[in-house]
Amino acid sequence: ISTYTLINKHNISSSTIHRLRHDQGVTTQLIDDLCKILDCNVEDIIK
């Protein structure tokens, strides 16, 4: 899954991608959405 796919297929905003890449705060809803998209557990994407 690419950044392009997250933005265009899953409607994750580019500003949200920026926040993720720069270790800024994100919502628990986004974490939930990413887990669904990536078919993974929370601990696989955050620490």
All heavy atoms as atom14 arrays in JSON, in Angstrom:
{
  "sequence": "ISTYTLINKHNISSSTIHRLRHDQGVTTQLIDDLCKILDCNVEDIIK",
  "atom14_mask": [
    [1, 1, 1, 1, 1, 1, 1, 1, 0, 0, 0, 0, 0, 0],
    [1, 1, 1, 1, 1, 1, 0, 0, 0, 0, 0, 0, 0, 0],
    [1, 1, 1, 1, 1, 1, 1, 0, 0, 0, 0, 0, 0, 0],
    [1, 1, 1, 1, 1, 1, 1, 1, 1, 1, 1, 1, 0, 0],
    [1, 1, 1, 1, 1, 1, 1, 0, 0, 0, 0, 0, 0, 0],
    [1, 1, 1, 1, 1, 1, 1, 1, 0, 0, 0, 0, 0, 0],
    [1, 1, 1, 1, 1, 1, 1, 1, 0, 0, 0, 0, 0, 0],
    [1, 1, 1, 1, 1, 1, 1, 1, 0, 0, 0, 0, 0, 0],
    [1, 1, 1, 1, 1, 1, 1, 1, 1, 0, 0, 0, 0, 0],
    [1, 1, 1, 1, 1, 1, 1, 1, 1, 1, 0, 0, 0, 0],
    [1, 1, 1, 1, 1, 1, 1, 1, 0, 0, 0, 0, 0, 0],
    [1, 1, 1, 1, 1, 1, 1, 1, 0, 0, 0, 0, 0, 0],
    [1, 1, 1, 1, 1, 1, 0, 0, 0, 0, 0, 0, 0, 0],
    [1, 1, 1, 1, 1, 1, 0, 0, 0, 0, 0, 0, 0, 0],
    [1, 1, 1, 1, 1, 1, 0, 0, 0, 0, 0, 0, 0, 0],
    [1, 1, 1, 1, 1, 1, 1, 0, 0, 0, 0, 0, 0, 0],
    [1, 1, 1, 1, 1, 1, 1, 1, 0, 0, 0, 0, 0, 0],
    [1, 1, 1, 1, 1, 1, 1, 1, 1, 1, 0, 0, 0, 0],
    [1, 1, 1, 1, 1, 1, 1, 1, 1, 1, 1, 0, 0, 0],
    [1, 1, 1, 1, 1, 1, 1, 1, 0, 0, 0, 0, 0, 0],
    [1, 1, 1, 1, 1, 1, 1, 1, 1, 1, 1, 0, 0, 0],
    [1, 1, 1, 1, 1, 1, 1, 1, 1, 1, 0, 0, 0, 0],
    [1, 1, 1, 1, 1, 1, 1, 1, 0, 0, 0, 0, 0, 0],
    [1, 1, 1, 1, 1, 1, 1, 1, 1, 0, 0, 0, 0, 0],
    [1, 1, 1, 1, 0, 0, 0, 0, 0, 0, 0, 0, 0, 0],
    [1, 1, 1, 1, 1, 1, 1, 0, 0, 0, 0, 0, 0, 0],
    [1, 1, 1, 1, 1, 1, 1, 0, 0, 0, 0, 0, 0, 0],
    [1, 1, 1, 1, 1, 1, 1, 0, 0, 0, 0, 0, 0, 0],
    [1, 1, 1, 1, 1, 1, 1, 1, 1, 0, 0, 0, 0, 0],
    [1, 1, 1, 1, 1, 1, 1, 1, 0, 0, 0, 0, 0, 0],
    [1, 1, 1, 1, 1, 1, 1, 1, 0, 0, 0, 0, 0, 0],
    [1, 1, 1, 1, 1, 1, 1, 1, 0, 0, 0, 0, 0, 0],
    [1, 1, 1, 1, 1, 1, 1, 1, 0, 0, 0, 0, 0, 0],
    [1, 1, 1, 1, 1, 1, 1, 1, 0, 0, 0, 0, 0, 0],
    [1, 1, 1, 1, 1, 1, 0, 0, 0, 0, 0, 0, 0, 0],
    [1, 1, 1, 1, 1, 1, 1, 1, 1, 0, 0, 0, 0, 0],
    [1, 1, 1, 1, 1, 1, 1, 1, 0, 0, 0, 0, 0, 0],
    [1, 1, 1, 1, 1, 1, 1, 1, 0, 0, 0, 0, 0, 0],
    [1, 1, 1, 1, 1, 1, 1, 1, 0, 0, 0, 0, 0, 0],
    [1, 1, 1, 1, 1, 1, 0, 0, 0, 0, 0, 0, 0, 0],
    [1, 1, 1, 1, 1, 1, 1, 1, 0, 0, 0, 0, 0, 0],
    [1, 1, 1, 1, 1, 1, 1, 0, 0, 0, 0, 0, 0, 0],
    [1, 1, 1, 1, 1, 1, 1, 1, 1, 0, 0, 0, 0, 0],
    [1, 1, 1, 1, 1, 1, 1, 1, 0, 0, 0, 0, 0, 0],
    [1, 1, 1, 1, 1, 1, 1, 1, 0, 0, 0, 0, 0, 0],
    [1, 1, 1, 1, 1, 1, 1, 1, 0, 0, 0, 0, 0, 0],
    [1, 1, 1, 1, 1, 1, 1, 1, 1, 0, 0, 0, 0, 0]
  ],
  "atom14_positions": [
    [[0.85, -1.19, 0.0], [0.0, 0.0, 0.0], [0.89, 1.24, 0.0], [1.75, 1.4, 0.86], [-0.95, 0.0, 1.22], [-1.91, -1.18, 1.09], [-1.71, 1.31, 1.32], [-2.86, -1.35, 2.25], [0.0, 0.0, 0.0], [0.0, 0.0, 0.0], [0.0, 0.0, 0.0], [0.0, 0.0, 0.0], [0.0, 0.0, 0.0], [0.0, 0.0, 0.0]],
    [[0.66, 2.1, -0.98], [1.46, 3.31, -1.11], [0.74, 4.51, -0.48], [-0.45, 4.44, -0.18], [1.72, 3.61, -2.58], [0.49, 3.93, -3.22], [0.0, 0.0, 0.0], [0.0, 0.0, 0.0], [0.0, 0.0, 0.0], [0.0, 0.0, 0.0], [0.0, 0.0, 0.0], [0.0, 0.0, 0.0], [0.0, 0.0, 0.0], [0.0, 0.0, 0.0]],
    [[1.48, 5.59, -0.34], [0.88, 6.84, 0.13], [-0.22, 7.27, -0.84], [-1.29, 7.72, -0.43], [1.96, 7.93, 0.24], [2.97, 7.49, 1.15], [1.37, 9.23, 0.74], [0.0, 0.0, 0.0], [0.0, 0.0, 0.0], [0.0, 0.0, 0.0], [0.0, 0.0, 0.0], [0.0, 0.0, 0.0], [0.0, 0.0, 0.0], [0.0, 0.0, 0.0]],
    [[0.04, 7.1, -2.12], [-0.95, 7.44, -3.16], [-2.25, 6.67, -2.92], [-3.34, 7.24, -3.0], [-0.37, 7.1, -4.54], [-1.32, 7.37, -5.67], [-1.38, 8.63, -6.26], [-2.15, 6.36, -6.16], [-2.26, 8.89, -7.3], [-3.03, 6.61, -7.2], [-3.08, 7.88, -7.77], [-3.96, 8.12, -8.79], [0.0, 0.0, 0.0], [0.0, 0.0, 0.0]],
    [[-2.14, 5.39, -2.6], [-3.32, 4.57, -2.34], [-4.07, 5.06, -1.11], [-5.3, 5.13, -1.12], [-2.93, 3.09, -2.17], [-2.27, 2.65, -3.35], [-4.14, 2.21, -1.91], [0.0, 0.0, 0.0], [0.0, 0.0, 0.0], [0.0, 0.0, 0.0], [0.0, 0.0, 0.0], [0.0, 0.0, 0.0], [0.0, 0.0, 0.0], [0.0, 0.0, 0.0]],
    [[-3.33, 5.39, -0.05], [-3.98, 5.9, 1.16], [-4.78, 7.17, 0.86], [-5.9, 7.33, 1.34], [-2.95, 6.19, 2.25], [-2.3, 5.0, 2.93], [-1.27, 5.47, 3.94], [-3.34, 4.11, 3.61], [0.0, 0.0, 0.0], [0.0, 0.0, 0.0], [0.0, 0.0, 0.0], [0.0, 0.0, 0.0], [0.0, 0.0, 0.0], [0.0, 0.0, 0.0]],
    [[-4.18, 8.06, 0.07], [-4.84, 9.33, -0.23], [-6.02, 9.14, -1.18], [-7.12, 9.63, -0.92], [-3.82, 10.33, -0.81], [-2.79, 10.7, 0.26], [-4.51, 11.56, -1.36], [-1.59, 11.48, -0.26], [0.0, 0.0, 0.0], [0.0, 0.0, 0.0], [0.0, 0.0, 0.0], [0.0, 0.0, 0.0], [0.0, 0.0, 0.0], [0.0, 0.0, 0.0]],
    [[-5.81, 8.44, -2.27], [-6.82, 8.36, -3.32], [-7.87, 7.26, -3.14], [-9.01, 7.45, -3.53], [-6.15, 8.23, -4.68], [-5.42, 9.5, -5.04], [-6.02, 10.54, -5.17], [-4.1, 9.42, -5.14], [0.0, 0.0, 0.0], [0.0, 0.0, 0.0], [0.0, 0.0, 0.0], [0.0, 0.0, 0.0], [0.0, 0.0, 0.0], [0.0, 0.0, 0.0]],
    [[-7.5, 6.13, -2.59], [-8.46, 5.05, -2.44], [-9.13, 5.06, -1.07], [-10.31, 4.76, -0.94], [-7.78, 3.69, -2.67], [-8.74, 2.53, -2.59], [-8.07, 1.21, -2.86], [-9.08, 0.07, -2.72], [-8.42, -1.23, -2.8], [0.0, 0.0, 0.0], [0.0, 0.0, 0.0], [0.0, 0.0, 0.0], [0.0, 0.0, 0.0], [0.0, 0.0, 0.0]],
    [[-8.36, 5.42, -0.03], [-8.87, 5.34, 1.33], [-9.2, 6.7, 1.94], [-9.55, 6.79, 3.12], [-7.88, 4.58, 2.21], [-7.64, 3.18, 1.75], [-8.58, 2.18, 1.88], [-6.58, 2.62, 1.12], [-8.11, 1.06, 1.37], [-6.89, 1.3, 0.9], [0.0, 0.0, 0.0], [0.0, 0.0, 0.0], [0.0, 0.0, 0.0], [0.0, 0.0, 0.0]],
    [[-9.05, 7.77, 1.14], [-9.41, 9.12, 1.55], [-8.69, 9.62, 2.8], [-9.26, 10.34, 3.62], [-10.92, 9.25, 1.73], [-11.67, 8.97, 0.45], [-11.28, 9.46, -0.6], [-12.7, 8.18, 0.53], [0.0, 0.0, 0.0], [0.0, 0.0, 0.0], [0.0, 0.0, 0.0], [0.0, 0.0, 0.0], [0.0, 0.0, 0.0], [0.0, 0.0, 0.0]],
    [[-7.43, 9.23, 2.97], [-6.59, 9.78, 4.03], [-5.97, 11.06, 3.45], [-5.39, 11.03, 2.38], [-5.47, 8.79, 4.45], [-6.04, 7.42, 4.82], [-4.62, 9.38, 5.55], [-6.87, 7.38, 6.07], [0.0, 0.0, 0.0], [0.0, 0.0, 0.0], [0.0, 0.0, 0.0], [0.0, 0.0, 0.0], [0.0, 0.0, 0.0], [0.0, 0.0, 0.0]],
    [[-6.11, 12.17, 4.15], [-5.63, 13.45, 3.59], [-4.1, 13.52, 3.58], [-3.43, 12.87, 4.38], [-6.19, 14.62, 4.39], [-5.58, 14.69, 5.66], [0.0, 0.0, 0.0], [0.0, 0.0, 0.0], [0.0, 0.0, 0.0], [0.0, 0.0, 0.0], [0.0, 0.0, 0.0], [0.0, 0.0, 0.0], [0.0, 0.0, 0.0], [0.0, 0.0, 0.0]],
    [[-3.6, 14.31, 2.67], [-2.14, 14.49, 2.58], [-1.61, 15.16, 3.84], [-0.48, 14.89, 4.26], [-1.75, 15.27, 1.34], [-2.39, 16.53, 1.33], [0.0, 0.0, 0.0], [0.0, 0.0, 0.0], [0.0, 0.0, 0.0], [0.0, 0.0, 0.0], [0.0, 0.0, 0.0], [0.0, 0.0, 0.0], [0.0, 0.0, 0.0], [0.0, 0.0, 0.0]],
    [[-2.41, 16.02, 4.48], [-1.96, 16.65, 5.72], [-1.86, 15.61, 6.84], [-0.98, 15.7, 7.7], [-2.89, 17.79, 6.13], [-4.19, 17.33, 6.37], [0.0, 0.0, 0.0], [0.0, 0.0, 0.0], [0.0, 0.0, 0.0], [0.0, 0.0, 0.0], [0.0, 0.0, 0.0], [0.0, 0.0, 0.0], [0.0, 0.0, 0.0], [0.0, 0.0, 0.0]],
    [[-2.72, 14.61, 6.83], [-2.64, 13.53, 7.81], [-1.39, 12.69, 7.58], [-0.71, 12.31, 8.53], [-3.91, 12.65, 7.76], [-5.04, 13.46, 8.07], [-3.83, 11.49, 8.72], [0.0, 0.0, 0.0], [0.0, 0.0, 0.0], [0.0, 0.0, 0.0], [0.0, 0.0, 0.0], [0.0, 0.0, 0.0], [0.0, 0.0, 0.0], [0.0, 0.0, 0.0]],
    [[-1.08, 12.42, 6.34], [0.15, 11.69, 6.0], [1.35, 12.48, 6.5], [2.29, 11.91, 7.08], [0.26, 11.45, 4.47], [-0.93, 10.65, 3.94], [1.59, 10.79, 4.11], [-1.04, 9.25, 4.43], [0.0, 0.0, 0.0], [0.0, 0.0, 0.0], [0.0, 0.0, 0.0], [0.0, 0.0, 0.0], [0.0, 0.0, 0.0], [0.0, 0.0, 0.0]],
    [[1.32, 13.79, 6.32], [2.4, 14.66, 6.79], [2.55, 14.53, 8.31], [3.66, 14.42, 8.82], [2.12, 16.11, 6.39], [3.13, 17.08, 6.92], [4.33, 17.29, 6.31], [3.1, 17.86, 8.02], [5.01, 18.18, 7.01], [4.28, 18.55, 8.06], [0.0, 0.0, 0.0], [0.0, 0.0, 0.0], [0.0, 0.0, 0.0], [0.0, 0.0, 0.0]],
    [[1.43, 14.54, 9.04], [1.46, 14.43, 10.49], [2.07, 13.09, 10.92], [2.86, 13.03, 11.86], [0.06, 14.59, 11.08], [-0.51, 15.99, 10.88], [-1.89, 16.15, 11.49], [-1.88, 16.06, 12.93], [-1.43, 17.02, 13.75], [-0.96, 18.13, 13.25], [-1.46, 16.85, 15.05], [0.0, 0.0, 0.0], [0.0, 0.0, 0.0], [0.0, 0.0, 0.0]],
    [[1.72, 12.03, 10.23], [2.28, 10.71, 10.54], [3.8, 10.68, 10.32], [4.52, 10.16, 11.15], [1.63, 9.64, 9.66], [0.21, 9.24, 9.98], [-0.39, 8.42, 8.85], [0.15, 8.47, 11.29], [0.0, 0.0, 0.0], [0.0, 0.0, 0.0], [0.0, 0.0, 0.0], [0.0, 0.0, 0.0], [0.0, 0.0, 0.0], [0.0, 0.0, 0.0]],
    [[4.23, 11.25, 9.23], [5.65, 11.22, 8.88], [6.51, 12.09, 9.81], [7.71, 11.87, 9.92], [5.85, 11.68, 7.45], [5.4, 10.65, 6.46], [5.76, 11.01, 5.06], [5.51, 9.88, 4.18], [5.3, 9.98, 2.89], [5.32, 11.17, 2.31], [5.08, 8.92, 2.17], [0.0, 0.0, 0.0], [0.0, 0.0, 0.0], [0.0, 0.0, 0.0]],
    [[5.88, 13.06, 10.44], [6.62, 13.98, 11.3], [6.31, 13.77, 12.78], [6.5, 14.67, 13.6], [6.36, 15.42, 10.87], [6.94, 15.72, 9.53], [6.23, 15.56, 8.35], [8.18, 16.14, 9.17], [7.0, 15.87, 7.34], [8.19, 16.23, 7.8], [0.0, 0.0, 0.0], [0.0, 0.0, 0.0], [0.0, 0.0, 0.0], [0.0, 0.0, 0.0]],
    [[5.83, 12.57, 13.11], [5.58, 12.19, 14.51], [4.71, 13.19, 15.26], [4.96, 13.5, 16.42], [6.9, 11.96, 15.26], [7.7, 10.81, 14.69], [7.07, 9.83, 14.24], [8.94, 10.89, 14.68], [0.0, 0.0, 0.0], [0.0, 0.0, 0.0], [0.0, 0.0, 0.0], [0.0, 0.0, 0.0], [0.0, 0.0, 0.0], [0.0, 0.0, 0.0]],
    [[3.69, 13.69, 14.59], [2.74, 14.59, 15.22], [1.5, 13.8, 15.6], [1.29, 12.69, 15.14], [2.4, 15.75, 14.28], [3.6, 16.6, 13.94], [3.3, 17.66, 12.91], [2.29, 17.6, 12.22], [4.18, 18.63, 12.8], [0.0, 0.0, 0.0], [0.0, 0.0, 0.0], [0.0, 0.0, 0.0], [0.0, 0.0, 0.0], [0.0, 0.0, 0.0]],
    [[0.68, 14.38, 16.45], [-0.5, 13.69, 16.95], [-1.51, 13.33, 15.87], [-1.69, 14.06, 14.9], [0.0, 0.0, 0.0], [0.0, 0.0, 0.0], [0.0, 0.0, 0.0], [0.0, 0.0, 0.0], [0.0, 0.0, 0.0], [0.0, 0.0, 0.0], [0.0, 0.0, 0.0], [0.0, 0.0, 0.0], [0.0, 0.0, 0.0], [0.0, 0.0, 0.0]],
    [[-2.14, 12.19, 16.04], [-3.21, 11.74, 15.15], [-4.35, 11.2, 16.02], [-4.16, 10.9, 17.19], [-2.74, 10.65, 14.16], [-1.72, 11.19, 13.19], [-2.19, 9.44, 14.88], [0.0, 0.0, 0.0], [0.0, 0.0, 0.0], [0.0, 0.0, 0.0], [0.0, 0.0, 0.0], [0.0, 0.0, 0.0], [0.0, 0.0, 0.0], [0.0, 0.0, 0.0]],
    [[-5.5, 11.06, 15.44], [-6.67, 10.6, 16.19], [-6.68, 9.08, 16.32], [-6.06, 8.36, 15.52], [-7.98, 11.03, 15.5], [-8.07, 10.36, 14.23], [-8.03, 12.53, 15.29], [0.0, 0.0, 0.0], [0.0, 0.0, 0.0], [0.0, 0.0, 0.0], [0.0, 0.0, 0.0], [0.0, 0.0, 0.0], [0.0, 0.0, 0.0], [0.0, 0.0, 0.0]],
    [[-7.41, 8.62, 17.31], [-7.57, 7.17, 17.46], [-8.39, 6.62, 16.29], [-8.2, 5.46, 15.91], [-8.24, 6.81, 18.79], [-9.46, 7.55, 18.92], [-7.32, 7.11, 19.96], [0.0, 0.0, 0.0], [0.0, 0.0, 0.0], [0.0, 0.0, 0.0], [0.0, 0.0, 0.0], [0.0, 0.0, 0.0], [0.0, 0.0, 0.0], [0.0, 0.0, 0.0]],
    [[-9.25, 7.44, 15.71], [-10.01, 7.0, 14.53], [-9.07, 6.7, 13.38], [-9.24, 5.71, 12.67], [-11.04, 8.06, 14.12], [-11.88, 7.64, 12.92], [-12.69, 6.38, 13.17], [-13.42, 6.32, 14.14], [-12.57, 5.39, 12.31], [0.0, 0.0, 0.0], [0.0, 0.0, 0.0], [0.0, 0.0, 0.0], [0.0, 0.0, 0.0], [0.0, 0.0, 0.0]],
    [[-8.07, 7.55, 13.18], [-7.1, 7.31, 12.11], [-6.33, 6.02, 12.37], [-6.13, 5.22, 11.46], [-6.12, 8.47, 11.99], [-5.0, 8.22, 10.97], [-5.56, 8.1, 9.56], [-3.94, 9.26, 11.06], [0.0, 0.0, 0.0], [0.0, 0.0, 0.0], [0.0, 0.0, 0.0], [0.0, 0.0, 0.0], [0.0, 0.0, 0.0], [0.0, 0.0, 0.0]],
    [[-5.92, 5.8, 13.61], [-5.21, 4.56, 13.95], [-6.09, 3.36, 13.64], [-5.64, 2.38, 13.06], [-4.76, 4.58, 15.42], [-3.73, 5.69, 15.63], [-4.19, 3.22, 15.83], [-3.43, 6.0, 17.07], [0.0, 0.0, 0.0], [0.0, 0.0, 0.0], [0.0, 0.0, 0.0], [0.0, 0.0, 0.0], [0.0, 0.0, 0.0], [0.0, 0.0, 0.0]],
    [[-7.36, 3.44, 14.0], [-8.31, 2.37, 13.71], [-8.43, 2.15, 12.2], [-8.39, 1.01, 11.72], [-9.67, 2.7, 14.32], [-10.68, 1.6, 14.14], [-10.43, 0.48, 14.61], [-11.75, 1.87, 13.54], [0.0, 0.0, 0.0], [0.0, 0.0, 0.0], [0.0, 0.0, 0.0], [0.0, 0.0, 0.0], [0.0, 0.0, 0.0], [0.0, 0.0, 0.0]],
    [[-8.56, 3.24, 11.45], [-8.67, 3.16, 9.99], [-7.43, 2.51, 9.38], [-7.53, 1.64, 8.5], [-8.87, 4.54, 9.38], [-10.23, 5.14, 9.7], [-11.14, 4.4, 10.16], [-10.38, 6.36, 9.52], [0.0, 0.0, 0.0], [0.0, 0.0, 0.0], [0.0, 0.0, 0.0], [0.0, 0.0, 0.0], [0.0, 0.0, 0.0], [0.0, 0.0, 0.0]],
    [[-6.25, 2.92, 9.84], [-5.01, 2.34, 9.31], [-4.91, 0.86, 9.61], [-4.46, 0.07, 8.77], [-3.8, 3.09, 9.87], [-3.58, 4.5, 9.35], [-2.45, 5.18, 10.1], [-3.33, 4.51, 7.86], [0.0, 0.0, 0.0], [0.0, 0.0, 0.0], [0.0, 0.0, 0.0], [0.0, 0.0, 0.0], [0.0, 0.0, 0.0], [0.0, 0.0, 0.0]],
    [[-5.34, 0.46, 10.8], [-5.31, -0.97, 11.15], [-6.23, -1.77, 10.21], [-5.87, -2.86, 9.79], [-5.74, -1.18, 12.6], [-4.48, -0.69, 13.8], [0.0, 0.0, 0.0], [0.0, 0.0, 0.0], [0.0, 0.0, 0.0], [0.0, 0.0, 0.0], [0.0, 0.0, 0.0], [0.0, 0.0, 0.0], [0.0, 0.0, 0.0], [0.0, 0.0, 0.0]],
    [[-7.38, -1.2, 9.88], [-8.3, -1.88, 8.96], [-7.7, -1.95, 7.56], [-7.73, -3.0, 6.91], [-9.64, -1.16, 8.92], [-10.45, -1.34, 10.18], [-11.72, -0.53, 10.13], [-12.45, -0.61, 11.47], [-13.6, 0.29, 11.51], [0.0, 0.0, 0.0], [0.0, 0.0, 0.0], [0.0, 0.0, 0.0], [0.0, 0.0, 0.0], [0.0, 0.0, 0.0]],
    [[-7.16, -0.83, 7.09], [-6.58, -0.77, 5.75], [-5.41, -1.74, 5.63], [-5.29, -2.47, 4.63], [-6.12, 0.67, 5.41], [-7.33, 1.6, 5.3], [-5.28, 0.7, 4.14], [-6.99, 3.08, 5.31], [0.0, 0.0, 0.0], [0.0, 0.0, 0.0], [0.0, 0.0, 0.0], [0.0, 0.0, 0.0], [0.0, 0.0, 0.0], [0.0, 0.0, 0.0]],
    [[-4.54, -1.75, 6.63], [-3.33, -2.56, 6.58], [-3.51, -3.96, 7.14], [-2.59, -4.77, 7.12], [-2.2, -1.85, 7.34], [-1.8, -0.48, 6.79], [-0.84, 0.21, 7.74], [-1.19, -0.63, 5.41], [0.0, 0.0, 0.0], [0.0, 0.0, 0.0], [0.0, 0.0, 0.0], [0.0, 0.0, 0.0], [0.0, 0.0, 0.0], [0.0, 0.0, 0.0]],
    [[-4.71, -4.24, 7.67], [-5.02, -5.54, 8.26], [-3.94, -5.92, 9.29], [-3.25, -6.93, 9.17], [-5.13, -6.62, 7.19], [-5.65, -7.94, 7.75], [-6.42, -7.91, 8.73], [-5.26, -8.99, 7.21], [0.0, 0.0, 0.0], [0.0, 0.0, 0.0], [0.0, 0.0, 0.0], [0.0, 0.0, 0.0], [0.0, 0.0, 0.0], [0.0, 0.0, 0.0]],
    [[-3.81, -5.03, 10.3], [-2.79, -5.25, 11.32], [-3.32, -4.84, 12.69], [-4.44, -4.35, 12.81], [-1.53, -4.46, 10.98], [-1.74, -2.68, 11.04], [0.0, 0.0, 0.0], [0.0, 0.0, 0.0], [0.0, 0.0, 0.0], [0.0, 0.0, 0.0], [0.0, 0.0, 0.0], [0.0, 0.0, 0.0], [0.0, 0.0, 0.0], [0.0, 0.0, 0.0]],
    [[-2.51, -5.06, 13.71], [-2.85, -4.66, 15.07], [-2.27, -3.29, 15.37], [-1.3, -2.87, 14.73], [-2.3, -5.68, 16.07], [-2.92, -7.04, 15.91], [-4.13, -7.17, 15.74], [-2.09, -8.07, 15.92], [0.0, 0.0, 0.0], [0.0, 0.0, 0.0], [0.0, 0.0, 0.0], [0.0, 0.0, 0.0], [0.0, 0.0, 0.0], [0.0, 0.0, 0.0]],
    [[-2.82, -2.63, 16.38], [-2.35, -1.3, 16.77], [-0.85, -1.3, 17.04], [-0.12, -0.41, 16.59], [-3.13, -0.8, 18.01], [-2.54, 0.48, 18.55], [-4.6, -0.61, 17.68], [0.0, 0.0, 0.0], [0.0, 0.0, 0.0], [0.0, 0.0, 0.0], [0.0, 0.0, 0.0], [0.0, 0.0, 0.0], [0.0, 0.0, 0.0], [0.0, 0.0, 0.0]],
    [[-0.38, -2.29, 17.76], [1.04, -2.33, 18.12], [1.95, -2.52, 16.91], [3.16, -2.32, 17.01], [1.33, -3.4, 19.19], [0.95, -4.8, 18.79], [-0.48, -5.2, 19.13], [-1.32, -4.34, 19.44], [-0.75, -6.42, 19.07], [0.0, 0.0, 0.0], [0.0, 0.0, 0.0], [0.0, 0.0, 0.0], [0.0, 0.0, 0.0], [0.0, 0.0, 0.0]],
    [[1.38, -2.86, 15.76], [2.17, -2.98, 14.54], [2.48, -1.62, 13.92], [3.41, -1.49, 13.13], [1.45, -3.84, 13.5], [1.3, -5.29, 13.94], [2.17, -5.77, 14.69], [0.3, -5.92, 13.54], [0.0, 0.0, 0.0], [0.0, 0.0, 0.0], [0.0, 0.0, 0.0], [0.0, 0.0, 0.0], [0.0, 0.0, 0.0], [0.0, 0.0, 0.0]],
    [[1.69, -0.6, 14.28], [1.88, 0.71, 13.66], [2.24, 1.83, 14.62], [2.69, 2.88, 14.19], [0.66, 1.12, 12.82], [-0.6, 1.19, 13.67], [0.47, 0.21, 11.64], [-1.8, 1.76, 12.93], [0.0, 0.0, 0.0], [0.0, 0.0, 0.0], [0.0, 0.0, 0.0], [0.0, 0.0, 0.0], [0.0, 0.0, 0.0], [0.0, 0.0, 0.0]],
    [[2.03, 1.63, 15.93], [2.42, 2.67, 16.88], [3.23, 2.08, 18.02], [3.16, 0.89, 18.31], [1.2, 3.44, 17.45], [0.29, 2.52, 18.26], [0.43, 4.15, 16.37], [-0.82, 3.24, 18.98], [0.0, 0.0, 0.0], [0.0, 0.0, 0.0], [0.0, 0.0, 0.0], [0.0, 0.0, 0.0], [0.0, 0.0, 0.0], [0.0, 0.0, 0.0]],
    [[4.0, 2.95, 18.65], [4.83, 2.54, 19.78], [4.77, 3.65, 20.81], [4.92, 4.84, 20.47], [6.26, 2.34, 19.3], [7.24, 1.97, 20.38], [8.6, 1.73, 19.75], [9.67, 2.39, 20.57], [11.0, 2.24, 20.0], [0.0, 0.0, 0.0], [0.0, 0.0, 0.0], [0.0, 0.0, 0.0], [0.0, 0.0, 0.0], [0.0, 0.0, 0.0]]
  ]
}
